[in-house]
Amino acid sequence: MKINRSYDGNYLSLGNRRYEQGIGTHTHSVIEFPLPENAATFSFIAGIDDEIGTADAQFFVYGDDKLLWQSPMYFGYEKRLPTTTLNIKGVRVLRLQVTEGKEDKWDHVDWVNTIITLEE
């Protein structure tokens, strides 16, 4: 896992667009972290990093072991990846998980523009 870099240490890049902030990782990854009590929303863009090209991966977000969101299967070079915003009020542990599709071909994936909004 790399912070603000792709898995190979390059710029984070999805759909031929660079991102300054996010997490670069590999498929079959699980990233868990505790949330502050006043966490309200989590927004992000998830996709396959351009350094790999084509691959297959699916993304999941869990809050306290409950599925909050899952992506369709991504294959790389998607041009219009949406920003997703999830309600995480009351969630104590957030888990970002990625699985490969048919096979693991050194699939490198990114979670970019990751923002946790807090309530006052």
PDB file of N, CA and C in Angstrom:
ATOM      1  N   MET A   1       0.847  -1.175   0.000  1.00  0.00           N
ATOM      2  CA  MET A   1       0.000   0.000   0.000  1.00  0.00           C
ATOM      3  C   MET A   1       0.889   1.233   0.000  1.00  0.00           C
ATOM      4  N   LYS A   2       0.508   2.233  -0.779  1.00  0.00           N
ATOM      5  CA  LYS A   2       1.235   3.503  -0.836  1.00  0.00           C
ATOM      6  C   LYS A   2       0.245   4.646  -0.601  1.00  0.00           C
ATOM      7  N   ILE A   3       0.690   5.643   0.122  1.00  0.00           N
ATOM      8  CA  ILE A   3      -0.124   6.832   0.357  1.00  0.00           C
ATOM      9  C   ILE A   3       0.272   7.896  -0.668  1.00  0.00           C
ATOM     10  N   ASN A   4      -0.711   8.425  -1.383  1.00  0.00           N
ATOM     11  CA  ASN A   4      -0.549   9.477  -2.397  1.00  0.00           C
ATOM     12  C   ASN A   4       0.340   9.060  -3.566  1.00  0.00           C
ATOM     13  N   ARG A   5       0.490   7.765  -3.774  1.00  0.00           N
ATOM     14  CA  ARG A   5       1.237   7.205  -4.907  1.00  0.00           C
ATOM     15  C   ARG A   5       0.572   5.902  -5.332  1.00  0.00           C
ATOM     16  N   SER A   6       0.842   5.490  -6.559  1.00  0.00           N
ATOM     17  CA  SER A   6       0.349   4.199  -7.029  1.00  0.00           C
ATOM     18  C   SER A   6       1.138   3.086  -6.339  1.00  0.00           C
ATOM     19  N   TYR A   7       0.718   1.864  -6.539  1.00  0.00           N
ATOM     20  CA  TYR A   7       1.391   0.717  -5.934  1.00  0.00           C
ATOM     21  C   TYR A   7       2.862   0.658  -6.356  1.00  0.00           C
ATOM     22  N   ASP A   8       3.155   1.085  -7.593  1.00  0.00           N
ATOM     23  CA  ASP A   8       4.537   1.111  -8.083  1.00  0.00           C
ATOM     24  C   ASP A   8       5.272   2.402  -7.732  1.00  0.00           C
ATOM     25  N   GLY A   9       4.625   3.309  -7.002  1.00  0.00           N
ATOM     26  CA  GLY A   9       5.287   4.546  -6.587  1.00  0.00           C
ATOM     27  C   GLY A   9       5.133   5.698  -7.559  1.00  0.00           C
ATOM     28  N   ASN A  10       4.296   5.550  -8.573  1.00  0.00           N
ATOM     29  CA  ASN A  10       4.058   6.623  -9.550  1.00  0.00           C
ATOM     30  C   ASN A  10       2.913   7.520  -9.080  1.00  0.00           C
ATOM     31  N   TYR A  11       2.599   8.529  -9.888  1.00  0.00           N
ATOM     32  CA  TYR A  11       1.419   9.342  -9.600  1.00  0.00           C
ATOM     33  C   TYR A  11       0.178   8.457  -9.654  1.00  0.00           C
ATOM     34  N   LEU A  12      -0.807   8.780  -8.824  1.00  0.00           N
ATOM     35  CA  LEU A  12      -2.099   8.109  -8.900  1.00  0.00           C
ATOM     36  C   LEU A  12      -2.769   8.557 -10.198  1.00  0.00           C
ATOM     37  N   SER A  13      -3.247   7.625 -10.995  1.00  0.00           N
ATOM     38  CA  SER A  13      -3.829   7.980 -12.287  1.00  0.00           C
ATOM     39  C   SER A  13      -4.971   7.021 -12.626  1.00  0.00           C
ATOM     40  N   LEU A  14      -6.155   7.594 -12.803  1.00  0.00           N
ATOM     41  CA  LEU A  14      -7.343   6.832 -13.201  1.00  0.00           C
ATOM     42  C   LEU A  14      -7.958   7.493 -14.421  1.00  0.00           C
ATOM     43  N   GLY A  15      -8.283   6.717 -15.432  1.00  0.00           N
ATOM     44  CA  GLY A  15      -8.946   7.260 -16.613  1.00  0.00           C
ATOM     45  C   GLY A  15      -8.151   8.377 -17.268  1.00  0.00           C
ATOM     46  N   ASN A  16      -6.831   8.238 -17.268  1.00  0.00           N
ATOM     47  CA  ASN A  16      -5.933   9.220 -17.877  1.00  0.00           C
ATOM     48  C   ASN A  16      -5.975  10.580 -17.161  1.00  0.00           C
ATOM     49  N   ARG A  17      -6.271  10.543 -15.871  1.00  0.00           N
ATOM     50  CA  ARG A  17      -6.288  11.762 -15.059  1.00  0.00           C
ATOM     51  C   ARG A  17      -5.483  11.517 -13.785  1.00  0.00           C
ATOM     52  N   ARG A  18      -4.587  12.426 -13.466  1.00  0.00           N
ATOM     53  CA  ARG A  18      -3.762  12.299 -12.260  1.00  0.00           C
ATOM     54  C   ARG A  18      -4.480  12.832 -11.036  1.00  0.00           C
ATOM     55  N   TYR A  19      -4.199  12.197  -9.910  1.00  0.00           N
ATOM     56  CA  TYR A  19      -4.757  12.614  -8.627  1.00  0.00           C
ATOM     57  C   TYR A  19      -3.618  12.789  -7.629  1.00  0.00           C
ATOM     58  N   GLU A  20      -3.729  13.801  -6.835  1.00  0.00           N
ATOM     59  CA  GLU A  20      -2.683  14.111  -5.871  1.00  0.00           C
ATOM     60  C   GLU A  20      -2.834  13.308  -4.583  1.00  0.00           C
ATOM     61  N   GLN A  21      -4.062  13.000  -4.212  1.00  0.00           N
ATOM     62  CA  GLN A  21      -4.312  12.396  -2.912  1.00  0.00           C
ATOM     63  C   GLN A  21      -5.050  11.077  -3.050  1.00  0.00           C
ATOM     64  N   GLY A  22      -4.614  10.088  -2.278  1.00  0.00           N
ATOM     65  CA  GLY A  22      -5.305   8.811  -2.262  1.00  0.00           C
ATOM     66  C   GLY A  22      -4.409   7.684  -1.816  1.00  0.00           C
ATOM     67  N   ILE A  23      -4.877   6.465  -2.076  1.00  0.00           N
ATOM     68  CA  ILE A  23      -4.177   5.256  -1.666  1.00  0.00           C
ATOM     69  C   ILE A  23      -4.000   4.376  -2.897  1.00  0.00           C
ATOM     70  N   GLY A  24      -2.778   3.944  -3.148  1.00  0.00           N
ATOM     71  CA  GLY A  24      -2.497   2.980  -4.201  1.00  0.00           C
ATOM     72  C   GLY A  24      -2.257   1.623  -3.562  1.00  0.00           C
ATOM     73  N   THR A  25      -2.891   0.598  -4.100  1.00  0.00           N
ATOM     74  CA  THR A  25      -2.743  -0.731  -3.506  1.00  0.00           C
ATOM     75  C   THR A  25      -2.862  -1.792  -4.597  1.00  0.00           C
ATOM     76  N   HIS A  26      -2.973  -3.005  -4.193  1.00  0.00           N
ATOM     77  CA  HIS A  26      -3.066  -4.149  -5.089  1.00  0.00           C
ATOM     78  C   HIS A  26      -4.418  -4.806  -4.865  1.00  0.00           C
ATOM     79  N   THR A  27      -4.880  -5.580  -5.854  1.00  0.00           N
ATOM     80  CA  THR A  27      -6.104  -6.335  -5.606  1.00  0.00           C
ATOM     81  C   THR A  27      -5.838  -7.324  -4.480  1.00  0.00           C
ATOM     82  N   HIS A  28      -6.879  -7.837  -3.949  1.00  0.00           N
ATOM     83  CA  HIS A  28      -6.811  -8.708  -2.773  1.00  0.00           C
ATOM     84  C   HIS A  28      -6.287  -7.924  -1.581  1.00  0.00           C
ATOM     85  N   SER A  29      -6.686  -6.664  -1.500  1.00  0.00           N
ATOM     86  CA  SER A  29      -6.242  -5.843  -0.385  1.00  0.00           C
ATOM     87  C   SER A  29      -7.402  -5.521   0.539  1.00  0.00           C
ATOM     88  N   VAL A  30      -7.053  -5.359   1.802  1.00  0.00           N
ATOM     89  CA  VAL A  30      -8.017  -4.961   2.819  1.00  0.00           C
ATOM     90  C   VAL A  30      -7.350  -3.869   3.645  1.00  0.00           C
ATOM     91  N   ILE A  31      -7.987  -2.715   3.707  1.00  0.00           N
ATOM     92  CA  ILE A  31      -7.480  -1.593   4.493  1.00  0.00           C
ATOM     93  C   ILE A  31      -8.563  -1.239   5.503  1.00  0.00           C
ATOM     94  N   GLU A  32      -8.242  -1.332   6.777  1.00  0.00           N
ATOM     95  CA  GLU A  32      -9.192  -1.003   7.834  1.00  0.00           C
ATOM     96  C   GLU A  32      -8.643   0.123   8.684  1.00  0.00           C
ATOM     97  N   PHE A  33      -9.540   1.007   9.092  1.00  0.00           N
ATOM     98  CA  PHE A  33      -9.116   2.059  10.011  1.00  0.00           C
ATOM     99  C   PHE A  33     -10.292   2.521  10.848  1.00  0.00           C
ATOM    100  N   PRO A  34     -10.005   2.889  12.105  1.00  0.00           N
ATOM    101  CA  PRO A  34     -11.064   3.377  12.985  1.00  0.00           C
ATOM    102  C   PRO A  34     -11.471   4.785  12.589  1.00  0.00           C
ATOM    103  N   LEU A  35     -12.722   5.113  12.862  1.00  0.00           N
ATOM    104  CA  LEU A  35     -13.259   6.437  12.557  1.00  0.00           C
ATOM    105  C   LEU A  35     -13.530   7.195  13.853  1.00  0.00           C
ATOM    106  N   PRO A  36     -13.414   8.519  13.800  1.00  0.00           N
ATOM    107  CA  PRO A  36     -13.823   9.301  14.971  1.00  0.00           C
ATOM    108  C   PRO A  36     -15.340   9.223  15.132  1.00  0.00           C
ATOM    109  N   GLU A  37     -15.817   9.464  16.342  1.00  0.00           N
ATOM    110  CA  GLU A  37     -17.249   9.355  16.619  1.00  0.00           C
ATOM    111  C   GLU A  37     -18.106  10.283  15.780  1.00  0.00           C
ATOM    112  N   ASN A  38     -17.554  11.416  15.346  1.00  0.00           N
ATOM    113  CA  ASN A  38     -18.342  12.387  14.595  1.00  0.00           C
ATOM    114  C   ASN A  38     -18.176  12.263  13.079  1.00  0.00           C
ATOM    115  N   ALA A  39     -17.678  11.116  12.598  1.00  0.00           N
ATOM    116  CA  ALA A  39     -17.574  10.895  11.150  1.00  0.00           C
ATOM    117  C   ALA A  39     -18.967  10.863  10.543  1.00  0.00           C
ATOM    118  N   ALA A  40     -19.168  11.594   9.454  1.00  0.00           N
ATOM    119  CA  ALA A  40     -20.498  11.689   8.840  1.00  0.00           C
ATOM    120  C   ALA A  40     -20.549  11.078   7.445  1.00  0.00           C
ATOM    121  N   THR A  41     -19.595  11.430   6.573  1.00  0.00           N
ATOM    122  CA  THR A  41     -19.590  10.900   5.207  1.00  0.00           C
ATOM    123  C   THR A  41     -18.179  10.506   4.791  1.00  0.00           C
ATOM    124  N   PHE A  42     -18.117   9.604   3.840  1.00  0.00           N
ATOM    125  CA  PHE A  42     -16.855   9.189   3.224  1.00  0.00           C
ATOM    126  C   PHE A  42     -17.053   9.273   1.722  1.00  0.00           C
ATOM    127  N   SER A  43     -16.224  10.068   1.050  1.00  0.00           N
ATOM    128  CA  SER A  43     -16.315  10.159  -0.407  1.00  0.00           C
ATOM    129  C   SER A  43     -14.987   9.730  -1.025  1.00  0.00           C
ATOM    130  N   PHE A  44     -15.059   9.217  -2.254  1.00  0.00           N
ATOM    131  CA  PHE A  44     -13.881   8.640  -2.914  1.00  0.00           C
ATOM    132  C   PHE A  44     -14.195   8.362  -4.380  1.00  0.00           C
ATOM    133  N   ILE A  45     -13.138   8.101  -5.134  1.00  0.00           N
ATOM    134  CA  ILE A  45     -13.224   7.539  -6.480  1.00  0.00           C
ATOM    135  C   ILE A  45     -12.350   6.294  -6.449  1.00  0.00           C
ATOM    136  N   ALA A  46     -12.839   5.180  -6.955  1.00  0.00           N
ATOM    137  CA  ALA A  46     -12.090   3.931  -6.972  1.00  0.00           C
ATOM    138  C   ALA A  46     -11.912   3.467  -8.405  1.00  0.00           C
ATOM    139  N   GLY A  47     -10.735   2.917  -8.720  1.00  0.00           N
ATOM    140  CA  GLY A  47     -10.518   2.398 -10.066  1.00  0.00           C
ATOM    141  C   GLY A  47      -9.166   1.733 -10.212  1.00  0.00           C
ATOM    142  N   ILE A  48      -8.935   1.179 -11.393  1.00  0.00           N
ATOM    143  CA  ILE A  48      -7.672   0.519 -11.727  1.00  0.00           C
ATOM    144  C   ILE A  48      -6.688   1.574 -12.217  1.00  0.00           C
ATOM    145  N   ASP A  49      -5.505   1.581 -11.622  1.00  0.00           N
ATOM    146  CA  ASP A  49      -4.511   2.590 -11.974  1.00  0.00           C
ATOM    147  C   ASP A  49      -4.063   2.418 -13.431  1.00  0.00           C
ATOM    148  N   ASP A  50      -3.864   3.555 -14.095  1.00  0.00           N
ATOM    149  CA  ASP A  50      -3.459   3.546 -15.506  1.00  0.00           C
ATOM    150  C   ASP A  50      -2.104   2.882 -15.736  1.00  0.00           C
ATOM    151  N   GLU A  51      -1.264   2.754 -14.689  1.00  0.00           N
ATOM    152  CA  GLU A  51       0.049   2.135 -14.890  1.00  0.00           C
ATOM    153  C   GLU A  51      -0.075   0.669 -15.281  1.00  0.00           C
ATOM    154  N   ILE A  52      -1.230   0.072 -15.037  1.00  0.00           N
ATOM    155  CA  ILE A  52      -1.446  -1.333 -15.370  1.00  0.00           C
ATOM    156  C   ILE A  52      -2.158  -1.483 -16.703  1.00  0.00           C
ATOM    157  N   GLY A  53      -3.067  -0.589 -16.997  1.00  0.00           N
ATOM    158  CA  GLY A  53      -3.849  -0.719 -18.225  1.00  0.00           C
ATOM    159  C   GLY A  53      -5.063  -1.573 -17.960  1.00  0.00           C
ATOM    160  N   THR A  54      -5.129  -2.718 -18.602  1.00  0.00           N
ATOM    161  CA  THR A  54      -6.302  -3.562 -18.418  1.00  0.00           C
ATOM    162  C   THR A  54      -6.066  -4.571 -17.317  1.00  0.00           C
ATOM    163  N   ALA A  55      -7.083  -4.800 -16.558  1.00  0.00           N
ATOM    164  CA  ALA A  55      -7.080  -5.749 -15.454  1.00  0.00           C
ATOM    165  C   ALA A  55      -8.543  -5.939 -15.067  1.00  0.00           C
ATOM    166  N   ASP A  56      -8.806  -6.651 -14.008  1.00  0.00           N
ATOM    167  CA  ASP A  56     -10.173  -6.748 -13.534  1.00  0.00           C
ATOM    168  C   ASP A  56     -10.162  -6.729 -12.008  1.00  0.00           C
ATOM    169  N   ALA A  57     -11.016  -5.889 -11.464  1.00  0.00           N
ATOM    170  CA  ALA A  57     -11.076  -5.728 -10.013  1.00  0.00           C
ATOM    171  C   ALA A  57     -12.457  -5.222  -9.608  1.00  0.00           C
ATOM    172  N   GLN A  58     -12.834  -5.559  -8.393  1.00  0.00           N
ATOM    173  CA  GLN A  58     -14.083  -5.065  -7.832  1.00  0.00           C
ATOM    174  C   GLN A  58     -13.788  -4.484  -6.448  1.00  0.00           C
ATOM    175  N   PHE A  59     -14.425  -3.359  -6.144  1.00  0.00           N
ATOM    176  CA  PHE A  59     -14.184  -2.594  -4.926  1.00  0.00           C
ATOM    177  C   PHE A  59     -15.376  -2.710  -3.984  1.00  0.00           C
ATOM    178  N   PHE A  60     -15.077  -2.720  -2.675  1.00  0.00           N
ATOM    179  CA  PHE A  60     -16.106  -2.820  -1.645  1.00  0.00           C
ATOM    180  C   PHE A  60     -15.755  -1.879  -0.501  1.00  0.00           C
ATOM    181  N   VAL A  61     -16.782  -1.297   0.113  1.00  0.00           N
ATOM    182  CA  VAL A  61     -16.602  -0.512   1.333  1.00  0.00           C
ATOM    183  C   VAL A  61     -17.536  -1.098   2.382  1.00  0.00           C
ATOM    184  N   TYR A  62     -16.962  -1.416   3.536  1.00  0.00           N
ATOM    185  CA  TYR A  62     -17.720  -1.956   4.661  1.00  0.00           C
ATOM    186  C   TYR A  62     -17.625  -0.999   5.835  1.00  0.00           C
ATOM    187  N   GLY A  63     -18.703  -0.889   6.576  1.00  0.00           N
ATOM    188  CA  GLY A  63     -18.721  -0.154   7.834  1.00  0.00           C
ATOM    189  C   GLY A  63     -19.126  -1.111   8.928  1.00  0.00           C
ATOM    190  N   ASP A  64     -18.224  -1.361   9.866  1.00  0.00           N
ATOM    191  CA  ASP A  64     -18.484  -2.329  10.943  1.00  0.00           C
ATOM    192  C   ASP A  64     -18.967  -3.663  10.379  1.00  0.00           C
ATOM    193  N   ASP A  65     -18.280  -4.157   9.367  1.00  0.00           N
ATOM    194  CA  ASP A  65     -18.562  -5.448   8.712  1.00  0.00           C
ATOM    195  C   ASP A  65     -19.867  -5.486   7.924  1.00  0.00           C
ATOM    196  N   LYS A  66     -20.527  -4.353   7.742  1.00  0.00           N
ATOM    197  CA  LYS A  66     -21.743  -4.286   6.927  1.00  0.00           C
ATOM    198  C   LYS A  66     -21.376  -3.662   5.575  1.00  0.00           C
ATOM    199  N   LEU A  67     -21.789  -4.304   4.486  1.00  0.00           N
ATOM    200  CA  LEU A  67     -21.506  -3.778   3.154  1.00  0.00           C
ATOM    201  C   LEU A  67     -22.238  -2.463   2.940  1.00  0.00           C
ATOM    202  N   LEU A  68     -21.474  -1.407   2.649  1.00  0.00           N
ATOM    203  CA  LEU A  68     -22.054  -0.091   2.388  1.00  0.00           C
ATOM    204  C   LEU A  68     -22.105   0.218   0.893  1.00  0.00           C
ATOM    205  N   TRP A  69     -21.155  -0.352   0.135  1.00  0.00           N
ATOM    206  CA  TRP A  69     -21.070  -0.042  -1.298  1.00  0.00           C
ATOM    207  C   TRP A  69     -20.215  -1.095  -1.984  1.00  0.00           C
ATOM    208  N   GLN A  70     -20.571  -1.385  -3.230  1.00  0.00           N
ATOM    209  CA  GLN A  70     -19.693  -2.200  -4.070  1.00  0.00           C
ATOM    210  C   GLN A  70     -19.754  -1.685  -5.487  1.00  0.00           C
ATOM    211  N   SER A  71     -18.639  -1.757  -6.151  1.00  0.00           N
ATOM    212  CA  SER A  71     -18.551  -1.302  -7.533  1.00  0.00           C
ATOM    213  C   SER A  71     -18.960  -2.427  -8.474  1.00  0.00           C
ATOM    214  N   PRO A  72     -19.228  -2.056  -9.721  1.00  0.00           N
ATOM    215  CA  PRO A  72     -19.295  -3.120 -10.725  1.00  0.00           C
ATOM    216  C   PRO A  72     -17.864  -3.617 -10.944  1.00  0.00           C
ATOM    217  N   MET A  73     -17.694  -4.656 -11.745  1.00  0.00           N
ATOM    218  CA  MET A  73     -16.350  -5.105 -12.095  1.00  0.00           C
ATOM    219  C   MET A  73     -15.728  -4.045 -12.999  1.00  0.00           C
ATOM    220  N   TYR A  74     -14.538  -3.577 -12.646  1.00  0.00           N
ATOM    221  CA  TYR A  74     -13.797  -2.625 -13.472  1.00  0.00           C
ATOM    222  C   TYR A  74     -12.717  -3.380 -14.227  1.00  0.00           C
ATOM    223  N   PHE A  75     -12.438  -2.901 -15.444  1.00  0.00           N
ATOM    224  CA  PHE A  75     -11.478  -3.579 -16.309  1.00  0.00           C
ATOM    225  C   PHE A  75     -10.302  -2.698 -16.713  1.00  0.00           C
ATOM    226  N   GLY A  76     -10.271  -1.471 -16.257  1.00  0.00           N
ATOM    227  CA  GLY A  76      -9.174  -0.563 -16.594  1.00  0.00           C
ATOM    228  C   GLY A  76      -9.563   0.399 -17.690  1.00  0.00           C
ATOM    229  N   TYR A  77      -8.962   1.560 -17.648  1.00  0.00           N
ATOM    230  CA  TYR A  77      -9.194   2.639 -18.617  1.00  0.00           C
ATOM    231  C   TYR A  77     -10.625   3.151 -18.616  1.00  0.00           C
ATOM    232  N   GLU A  78     -11.369   2.948 -17.534  1.00  0.00           N
ATOM    233  CA  GLU A  78     -12.691   3.570 -17.440  1.00  0.00           C
ATOM    234  C   GLU A  78     -12.492   5.082 -17.429  1.00  0.00           C
ATOM    235  N   LYS A  79     -13.263   5.786 -18.205  1.00  0.00           N
ATOM    236  CA  LYS A  79     -13.068   7.232 -18.357  1.00  0.00           C
ATOM    237  C   LYS A  79     -13.908   8.062 -17.406  1.00  0.00           C
ATOM    238  N   ARG A  80     -15.051   7.577 -17.018  1.00  0.00           N
ATOM    239  CA  ARG A  80     -15.948   8.377 -16.187  1.00  0.00           C
ATOM    240  C   ARG A  80     -16.239   7.644 -14.872  1.00  0.00           C
ATOM    241  N   LEU A  81     -15.245   7.592 -14.029  1.00  0.00           N
ATOM    242  CA  LEU A  81     -15.435   6.964 -12.729  1.00  0.00           C
ATOM    243  C   LEU A  81     -16.135   7.950 -11.803  1.00  0.00           C
ATOM    244  N   PRO A  82     -17.202   7.536 -11.168  1.00  0.00           N
ATOM    245  CA  PRO A  82     -17.975   8.465 -10.338  1.00  0.00           C
ATOM    246  C   PRO A  82     -17.332   8.703  -8.975  1.00  0.00           C
ATOM    247  N   THR A  83     -17.608   9.866  -8.426  1.00  0.00           N
ATOM    248  CA  THR A  83     -17.305  10.110  -7.019  1.00  0.00           C
ATOM    249  C   THR A  83     -18.465   9.531  -6.225  1.00  0.00           C
ATOM    250  N   THR A  84     -18.142   8.712  -5.258  1.00  0.00           N
ATOM    251  CA  THR A  84     -19.151   8.082  -4.412  1.00  0.00           C
ATOM    252  C   THR A  84     -19.079   8.713  -3.033  1.00  0.00           C
ATOM    253  N   THR A  85     -20.230   9.030  -2.465  1.00  0.00           N
ATOM    254  CA  THR A  85     -20.299   9.555  -1.105  1.00  0.00           C
ATOM    255  C   THR A  85     -21.220   8.660  -0.287  1.00  0.00           C
ATOM    256  N   LEU A  86     -20.701   8.171   0.831  1.00  0.00           N
ATOM    257  CA  LEU A  86     -21.442   7.245   1.687  1.00  0.00           C
ATOM    258  C   LEU A  86     -21.711   7.870   3.047  1.00  0.00           C
ATOM    259  N   ASN A  87     -22.863   7.560   3.592  1.00  0.00           N
ATOM    260  CA  ASN A  87     -23.196   7.960   4.955  1.00  0.00           C
ATOM    261  C   ASN A  87     -22.501   6.979   5.895  1.00  0.00           C
ATOM    262  N   ILE A  88     -21.621   7.490   6.761  1.00  0.00           N
ATOM    263  CA  ILE A  88     -20.907   6.619   7.698  1.00  0.00           C
ATOM    264  C   ILE A  88     -21.189   7.012   9.156  1.00  0.00           C
ATOM    265  N   LYS A  89     -22.296   7.695   9.382  1.00  0.00           N
ATOM    266  CA  LYS A  89     -22.667   8.065  10.757  1.00  0.00           C
ATOM    267  C   LYS A  89     -22.822   6.809  11.600  1.00  0.00           C
ATOM    268  N   GLY A  90     -22.173   6.802  12.750  1.00  0.00           N
ATOM    269  CA  GLY A  90     -22.258   5.672  13.659  1.00  0.00           C
ATOM    270  C   GLY A  90     -21.297   4.539  13.359  1.00  0.00           C
ATOM    271  N   VAL A  91     -20.587   4.597  12.236  1.00  0.00           N
ATOM    272  CA  VAL A  91     -19.637   3.541  11.884  1.00  0.00           C
ATOM    273  C   VAL A  91     -18.361   3.731  12.704  1.00  0.00           C
ATOM    274  N   ARG A  92     -17.885   2.646  13.265  1.00  0.00           N
ATOM    275  CA  ARG A  92     -16.673   2.716  14.088  1.00  0.00           C
ATOM    276  C   ARG A  92     -15.425   2.316  13.313  1.00  0.00           C
ATOM    277  N   VAL A  93     -15.550   1.327  12.413  1.00  0.00           N
ATOM    278  CA  VAL A  93     -14.407   0.855  11.618  1.00  0.00           C
ATOM    279  C   VAL A  93     -14.810   0.808  10.158  1.00  0.00           C
ATOM    280  N   LEU A  94     -14.032   1.483   9.315  1.00  0.00           N
ATOM    281  CA  LEU A  94     -14.256   1.495   7.868  1.00  0.00           C
ATOM    282  C   LEU A  94     -13.269   0.533   7.223  1.00  0.00           C
ATOM    283  N   ARG A  95     -13.767  -0.288   6.295  1.00  0.00           N
ATOM    284  CA  ARG A  95     -12.902  -1.238   5.601  1.00  0.00           C
ATOM    285  C   ARG A  95     -13.024  -1.045   4.097  1.00  0.00           C
ATOM    286  N   LEU A  96     -11.892  -0.810   3.432  1.00  0.00           N
ATOM    287  CA  LEU A  96     -11.813  -0.714   1.980  1.00  0.00           C
ATOM    288  C   LEU A  96     -11.231  -2.028   1.491  1.00  0.00           C
ATOM    289  N   GLN A  97     -11.940  -2.694   0.599  1.00  0.00           N
ATOM    290  CA  GLN A  97     -11.506  -4.013   0.159  1.00  0.00           C
ATOM    291  C   GLN A  97     -11.568  -4.083  -1.356  1.00  0.00           C
ATOM    292  N   VAL A  98     -10.599  -4.772  -1.946  1.00  0.00           N
ATOM    293  CA  VAL A  98     -10.558  -4.967  -3.396  1.00  0.00           C
ATOM    294  C   VAL A  98     -10.293  -6.443  -3.673  1.00  0.00           C
ATOM    295  N   THR A  99     -11.043  -7.010  -4.614  1.00  0.00           N
ATOM    296  CA  THR A  99     -10.798  -8.381  -5.045  1.00  0.00           C
ATOM    297  C   THR A  99     -10.554  -8.387  -6.548  1.00  0.00           C
ATOM    298  N   GLU A 100      -9.787  -9.369  -6.998  1.00  0.00           N
ATOM    299  CA  GLU A 100      -9.542  -9.486  -8.432  1.00  0.00           C
ATOM    300  C   GLU A 100     -10.700 -10.209  -9.072  1.00  0.00           C
ATOM    301  N   GLY A 101     -10.786 -10.084 -10.396  1.00  0.00           N
ATOM    302  CA  GLY A 101     -11.842 -10.764 -11.135  1.00  0.00           C
ATOM    303  C   GLY A 101     -11.433 -12.190 -11.440  1.00  0.00           C
ATOM    304  N   LYS A 102     -11.196 -12.468 -12.704  1.00  0.00           N
ATOM    305  CA  LYS A 102     -10.870 -13.829 -13.114  1.00  0.00           C
ATOM    306  C   LYS A 102      -9.501 -14.270 -12.622  1.00  0.00           C
ATOM    307  N   GLU A 103      -8.533 -13.388 -12.676  1.00  0.00           N
ATOM    308  CA  GLU A 103      -7.196 -13.739 -12.195  1.00  0.00           C
ATOM    309  C   GLU A 103      -6.458 -12.480 -11.783  1.00  0.00           C
ATOM    310  N   ASP A 104      -5.464 -12.664 -10.951  1.00  0.00           N
ATOM    311  CA  ASP A 104      -4.654 -11.553 -10.469  1.00  0.00           C
ATOM    312  C   ASP A 104      -3.483 -11.365 -11.435  1.00  0.00           C
ATOM    313  N   LYS A 105      -3.538 -10.276 -12.198  1.00  0.00           N
ATOM    314  CA  LYS A 105      -2.491  -9.990 -13.180  1.00  0.00           C
ATOM    315  C   LYS A 105      -1.670  -8.800 -12.711  1.00  0.00           C
ATOM    316  N   TRP A 106      -1.269  -8.794 -11.458  1.00  0.00           N
ATOM    317  CA  TRP A 106      -0.565  -7.641 -10.898  1.00  0.00           C
ATOM    318  C   TRP A 106      -1.441  -6.415 -10.988  1.00  0.00           C
ATOM    319  N   ASP A 107      -2.720  -6.596 -10.663  1.00  0.00           N
ATOM    320  CA  ASP A 107      -3.706  -5.513 -10.728  1.00  0.00           C
ATOM    321  C   ASP A 107      -3.400  -4.450  -9.681  1.00  0.00           C
ATOM    322  N   HIS A 108      -3.138  -3.247 -10.111  1.00  0.00           N
ATOM    323  CA  HIS A 108      -2.886  -2.123  -9.212  1.00  0.00           C
ATOM    324  C   HIS A 108      -4.107  -1.217  -9.242  1.00  0.00           C
ATOM    325  N   VAL A 109      -4.600  -0.879  -8.072  1.00  0.00           N
ATOM    326  CA  VAL A 109      -5.843  -0.124  -7.957  1.00  0.00           C
ATOM    327  C   VAL A 109      -5.644   1.078  -7.044  1.00  0.00           C
ATOM    328  N   ASP A 110      -6.543   2.043  -7.168  1.00  0.00           N
ATOM    329  CA  ASP A 110      -6.446   3.269  -6.379  1.00  0.00           C
ATOM    330  C   ASP A 110      -7.787   3.624  -5.754  1.00  0.00           C
ATOM    331  N   TRP A 111      -7.703   4.211  -4.571  1.00  0.00           N
ATOM    332  CA  TRP A 111      -8.807   4.914  -3.923  1.00  0.00           C
ATOM    333  C   TRP A 111      -8.349   6.363  -3.894  1.00  0.00           C
ATOM    334  N   VAL A 112      -8.946   7.247  -4.682  1.00  0.00           N
ATOM    335  CA  VAL A 112      -8.463   8.629  -4.766  1.00  0.00           C
ATOM    336  C   VAL A 112      -9.517   9.623  -4.266  1.00  0.00           C
ATOM    337  N   ASN A 113      -9.027  10.826  -3.997  1.00  0.00           N
ATOM    338  CA  ASN A 113      -9.884  11.894  -3.452  1.00  0.00           C
ATOM    339  C   ASN A 113     -10.688  11.379  -2.262  1.00  0.00           C
ATOM    340  N   THR A 114     -10.019  10.638  -1.396  1.00  0.00           N
ATOM    341  CA  THR A 114     -10.673  10.072  -0.215  1.00  0.00           C
ATOM    342  C   THR A 114     -10.856  11.169   0.834  1.00  0.00           C
ATOM    343  N   ILE A 115     -12.110  11.391   1.203  1.00  0.00           N
ATOM    344  CA  ILE A 115     -12.427  12.462   2.158  1.00  0.00           C
ATOM    345  C   ILE A 115     -13.420  11.941   3.196  1.00  0.00           C
ATOM    346  N   ILE A 116     -13.077  12.109   4.461  1.00  0.00           N
ATOM    347  CA  ILE A 116     -13.999  11.805   5.551  1.00  0.00           C
ATOM    348  C   ILE A 116     -14.453  13.148   6.099  1.00  0.00           C
ATOM    349  N   THR A 117     -15.763  13.384   6.055  1.00  0.00           N
ATOM    350  CA  THR A 117     -16.344  14.635   6.563  1.00  0.00           C
ATOM    351  C   THR A 117     -16.833  14.391   7.976  1.00  0.00           C
ATOM    352  N   LEU A 118     -16.515  15.346   8.863  1.00  0.00           N
ATOM    353  CA  LEU A 118     -16.910  15.246  10.263  1.00  0.00           C
ATOM    354  C   LEU A 118     -18.054  16.219  10.566  1.00  0.00           C
ATOM    355  N   GLU A 119     -18.942  15.798  11.462  1.00  0.00           N
ATOM    356  CA  GLU A 119     -19.990  16.687  11.947  1.00  0.00           C
ATOM    357  C   GLU A 119     -19.423  17.522  13.094  1.00  0.00           C
ATOM    358  N   GLU A 120     -19.952  18.708  13.251  1.00  0.00           N
ATOM    359  CA  GLU A 120     -19.498  19.563  14.355  1.00  0.00           C
ATOM    360  C   GLU A 120     -20.232  19.261  15.619  1.00  0.00           C
TER     361      GLU A 120
END
